[in-house]
N, C-alpha and C. Protein backbone atom coordinates (compact mmCIF):
# COMPACT_ATOMS: atom_id res chain seq x y z
N LYS A 1 -10.46 10.36 -79.33
CA LYS A 1 -9.38 10.08 -80.26
C LYS A 1 -8.90 8.64 -80.17
N VAL A 2 -9.10 8.00 -79.04
CA VAL A 2 -8.63 6.63 -78.89
C VAL A 2 -9.72 5.55 -79.11
N LYS A 3 -10.98 6.02 -79.28
CA LYS A 3 -12.07 5.03 -79.52
C LYS A 3 -11.77 4.15 -80.69
N PRO A 4 -11.38 4.63 -81.86
CA PRO A 4 -11.08 3.80 -82.98
C PRO A 4 -9.99 2.78 -82.65
N GLN A 5 -9.00 3.13 -81.90
CA GLN A 5 -7.95 2.27 -81.56
C GLN A 5 -8.45 1.07 -80.68
N LEU A 6 -9.37 1.40 -79.73
CA LEU A 6 -9.94 0.30 -78.90
C LEU A 6 -10.84 -0.59 -79.73
N GLU A 7 -11.65 0.07 -80.66
CA GLU A 7 -12.53 -0.74 -81.47
C GLU A 7 -11.76 -1.68 -82.37
N GLU A 8 -10.64 -1.26 -82.86
CA GLU A 8 -9.81 -2.15 -83.70
C GLU A 8 -9.25 -3.31 -82.87
N LYS A 9 -8.80 -3.00 -81.64
CA LYS A 9 -8.29 -4.09 -80.80
C LYS A 9 -9.30 -5.09 -80.36
N GLU A 10 -10.52 -4.59 -80.06
CA GLU A 10 -11.65 -5.41 -79.60
C GLU A 10 -12.35 -6.09 -80.80
N GLY A 11 -12.23 -5.53 -81.99
CA GLY A 11 -12.96 -6.09 -83.14
C GLY A 11 -14.47 -5.84 -83.09
N LYS A 12 -14.81 -4.69 -82.44
CA LYS A 12 -16.24 -4.34 -82.46
C LYS A 12 -16.34 -2.81 -82.34
N THR A 13 -17.56 -2.30 -82.53
CA THR A 13 -17.79 -0.86 -82.44
C THR A 13 -18.64 -0.63 -81.19
N PHE A 14 -18.48 0.50 -80.61
CA PHE A 14 -19.21 0.94 -79.42
C PHE A 14 -20.11 2.11 -79.73
N ASP A 15 -21.42 1.87 -79.54
CA ASP A 15 -22.42 2.91 -79.72
C ASP A 15 -22.34 3.92 -78.64
N VAL A 16 -22.06 3.49 -77.43
CA VAL A 16 -21.88 4.36 -76.24
C VAL A 16 -20.38 4.33 -75.93
N PHE A 17 -19.78 5.53 -75.69
CA PHE A 17 -18.39 5.59 -75.35
C PHE A 17 -18.25 6.93 -74.56
N THR A 18 -18.47 6.86 -73.25
CA THR A 18 -18.50 8.03 -72.39
C THR A 18 -17.57 7.91 -71.22
N ALA A 19 -16.57 8.75 -71.17
CA ALA A 19 -15.62 8.78 -70.01
C ALA A 19 -16.42 9.24 -68.80
N VAL A 20 -16.28 8.48 -67.66
CA VAL A 20 -16.98 8.90 -66.47
C VAL A 20 -16.00 9.25 -65.31
N GLU A 21 -14.76 8.88 -65.47
CA GLU A 21 -13.74 9.20 -64.43
C GLU A 21 -12.37 9.06 -65.12
N PHE A 22 -11.42 9.86 -64.55
CA PHE A 22 -10.07 9.75 -65.08
C PHE A 22 -9.09 10.09 -63.98
N LYS A 23 -7.87 9.61 -64.13
CA LYS A 23 -6.73 9.93 -63.27
C LYS A 23 -5.54 10.20 -64.18
N ALA A 24 -4.52 10.91 -63.71
CA ALA A 24 -3.37 11.21 -64.53
C ALA A 24 -2.12 10.84 -63.72
N GLN A 25 -1.10 10.43 -64.43
CA GLN A 25 0.21 10.11 -63.90
C GLN A 25 1.25 10.73 -64.83
N VAL A 26 2.04 11.65 -64.27
CA VAL A 26 3.08 12.34 -65.03
C VAL A 26 4.32 11.44 -65.06
N VAL A 27 4.74 11.20 -66.28
CA VAL A 27 5.99 10.46 -66.57
C VAL A 27 6.71 11.29 -67.60
N ALA A 28 7.41 10.71 -68.50
CA ALA A 28 8.02 11.44 -69.67
C ALA A 28 6.87 11.73 -70.67
N GLY A 29 5.91 12.44 -70.23
CA GLY A 29 4.60 12.69 -70.89
C GLY A 29 3.59 12.45 -69.80
N THR A 30 2.40 12.05 -70.16
CA THR A 30 1.32 11.82 -69.20
C THR A 30 0.56 10.55 -69.50
N ASN A 31 0.42 9.67 -68.52
CA ASN A 31 -0.48 8.56 -68.66
C ASN A 31 -1.84 8.99 -68.09
N TYR A 32 -2.91 8.83 -68.85
CA TYR A 32 -4.25 9.02 -68.40
C TYR A 32 -4.96 7.71 -68.25
N PHE A 33 -5.67 7.58 -67.14
CA PHE A 33 -6.46 6.30 -66.94
C PHE A 33 -7.91 6.72 -66.96
N PHE A 34 -8.70 6.13 -67.77
CA PHE A 34 -10.11 6.48 -67.94
C PHE A 34 -10.99 5.28 -67.62
N ARG A 35 -12.11 5.55 -67.00
CA ARG A 35 -13.18 4.59 -66.85
C ARG A 35 -14.23 5.04 -67.91
N VAL A 36 -14.53 4.17 -68.88
CA VAL A 36 -15.39 4.54 -69.99
C VAL A 36 -16.65 3.62 -70.01
N HIS A 37 -17.77 4.25 -69.97
CA HIS A 37 -19.06 3.50 -70.10
C HIS A 37 -19.26 3.18 -71.58
N VAL A 38 -19.45 1.87 -71.90
CA VAL A 38 -19.60 1.44 -73.24
C VAL A 38 -20.93 0.79 -73.57
N GLY A 39 -21.89 1.03 -72.66
CA GLY A 39 -23.23 0.55 -72.90
C GLY A 39 -23.66 -0.41 -71.79
N ASN A 40 -24.95 -0.50 -71.57
CA ASN A 40 -25.55 -1.33 -70.53
C ASN A 40 -24.88 -1.10 -69.21
N ASP A 41 -24.38 -2.20 -68.58
CA ASP A 41 -23.63 -2.07 -67.31
C ASP A 41 -22.11 -2.31 -67.52
N GLU A 42 -21.70 -2.16 -68.77
CA GLU A 42 -20.34 -2.51 -69.15
C GLU A 42 -19.42 -1.27 -69.20
N PHE A 43 -18.23 -1.43 -68.63
CA PHE A 43 -17.21 -0.37 -68.64
C PHE A 43 -15.90 -0.91 -69.06
N VAL A 44 -15.05 -0.10 -69.60
CA VAL A 44 -13.64 -0.48 -69.86
C VAL A 44 -12.74 0.57 -69.19
N HIS A 45 -11.53 0.13 -68.84
CA HIS A 45 -10.54 1.01 -68.32
C HIS A 45 -9.48 1.19 -69.35
N LEU A 46 -9.16 2.41 -69.66
CA LEU A 46 -8.16 2.71 -70.66
C LEU A 46 -6.94 3.39 -70.08
N ARG A 47 -5.78 3.08 -70.62
CA ARG A 47 -4.56 3.81 -70.32
C ARG A 47 -4.11 4.49 -71.59
N VAL A 48 -4.16 5.81 -71.58
CA VAL A 48 -3.89 6.63 -72.77
C VAL A 48 -2.62 7.46 -72.49
N PHE A 49 -1.68 7.39 -73.43
CA PHE A 49 -0.40 8.16 -73.22
C PHE A 49 -0.43 9.39 -74.05
N LYS A 50 -0.09 10.53 -73.45
CA LYS A 50 0.08 11.80 -74.18
C LYS A 50 1.55 12.18 -74.05
N SER A 51 2.22 12.26 -75.22
CA SER A 51 3.64 12.56 -75.19
C SER A 51 3.87 14.03 -74.86
N LEU A 52 5.15 14.37 -74.65
CA LEU A 52 5.48 15.76 -74.34
C LEU A 52 5.19 16.66 -75.56
N PRO A 53 4.87 17.88 -75.39
CA PRO A 53 4.44 18.72 -76.51
C PRO A 53 5.44 18.81 -77.64
N HIS A 54 6.76 18.85 -77.33
CA HIS A 54 7.76 19.03 -78.39
C HIS A 54 7.85 17.78 -79.27
N GLU A 55 7.37 16.62 -78.80
CA GLU A 55 7.41 15.37 -79.58
C GLU A 55 6.34 15.36 -80.69
N ASN A 56 5.27 16.14 -80.48
CA ASN A 56 4.20 16.30 -81.48
C ASN A 56 3.69 14.95 -81.95
N LYS A 57 3.35 14.04 -80.97
CA LYS A 57 2.80 12.76 -81.34
C LYS A 57 1.33 12.72 -80.93
N PRO A 58 0.50 11.89 -81.58
CA PRO A 58 -0.92 11.84 -81.22
C PRO A 58 -1.11 10.99 -79.93
N LEU A 59 -2.28 11.15 -79.34
CA LEU A 59 -2.64 10.30 -78.18
C LEU A 59 -2.62 8.88 -78.60
N SER A 60 -2.17 7.97 -77.75
CA SER A 60 -2.15 6.59 -78.07
C SER A 60 -2.64 5.72 -76.94
N LEU A 61 -3.38 4.67 -77.31
CA LEU A 61 -3.97 3.76 -76.37
C LEU A 61 -2.85 2.76 -76.00
N HIS A 62 -2.36 2.80 -74.73
CA HIS A 62 -1.24 1.96 -74.36
C HIS A 62 -1.74 0.68 -73.62
N GLY A 63 -3.03 0.62 -73.24
CA GLY A 63 -3.53 -0.58 -72.60
C GLY A 63 -4.96 -0.39 -72.26
N TYR A 64 -5.68 -1.48 -72.04
CA TYR A 64 -7.10 -1.44 -71.64
C TYR A 64 -7.47 -2.69 -70.90
N GLN A 65 -8.50 -2.51 -70.10
CA GLN A 65 -9.10 -3.70 -69.40
C GLN A 65 -10.60 -3.66 -69.70
N SER A 66 -11.09 -4.74 -70.22
CA SER A 66 -12.52 -4.81 -70.55
C SER A 66 -13.27 -5.56 -69.49
N SER A 67 -14.60 -5.59 -69.62
CA SER A 67 -15.49 -6.29 -68.70
C SER A 67 -15.35 -5.73 -67.29
N LYS A 68 -15.31 -4.45 -67.15
CA LYS A 68 -15.18 -3.80 -65.86
C LYS A 68 -16.65 -3.41 -65.44
N LEU A 69 -16.83 -3.23 -64.14
CA LEU A 69 -18.11 -2.73 -63.59
C LEU A 69 -17.96 -1.32 -63.10
N LYS A 70 -19.09 -0.67 -62.93
CA LYS A 70 -19.07 0.79 -62.57
C LYS A 70 -18.26 1.08 -61.39
N HIS A 71 -18.24 0.24 -60.36
CA HIS A 71 -17.55 0.53 -59.16
C HIS A 71 -16.19 -0.11 -59.01
N ASP A 72 -15.67 -0.76 -60.09
CA ASP A 72 -14.30 -1.32 -60.02
C ASP A 72 -13.31 -0.13 -59.91
N GLU A 73 -12.31 -0.25 -59.03
CA GLU A 73 -11.37 0.81 -58.82
C GLU A 73 -10.53 1.07 -60.07
N LEU A 74 -10.37 2.33 -60.39
CA LEU A 74 -9.51 2.73 -61.55
C LEU A 74 -8.07 2.89 -60.96
N THR A 75 -7.22 1.91 -61.36
CA THR A 75 -5.86 1.89 -60.87
C THR A 75 -4.88 1.78 -62.08
N TYR A 76 -3.57 1.97 -61.71
CA TYR A 76 -2.52 1.81 -62.75
C TYR A 76 -2.53 0.40 -63.25
N PHE A 77 -2.36 0.20 -64.57
CA PHE A 77 -2.15 -1.15 -65.18
C PHE A 77 -1.24 -1.00 -66.31
């Protein structure tokens, strides 16, 4: 659901977009941190926010880090 949001911010499309790891942080909703394989040896880290159910809002991309490697630690950003 957030792939189009990232593609718009990066100004390119990703043929490969596979989440390989995630972590969650509960706040007033939930922050999810994903390591996503986007082709070759390239990865991006995403921070995706899921609001509380009663707010009925879609998932939103709140931040990302590009040019990551497979073994870069997935941390809060």
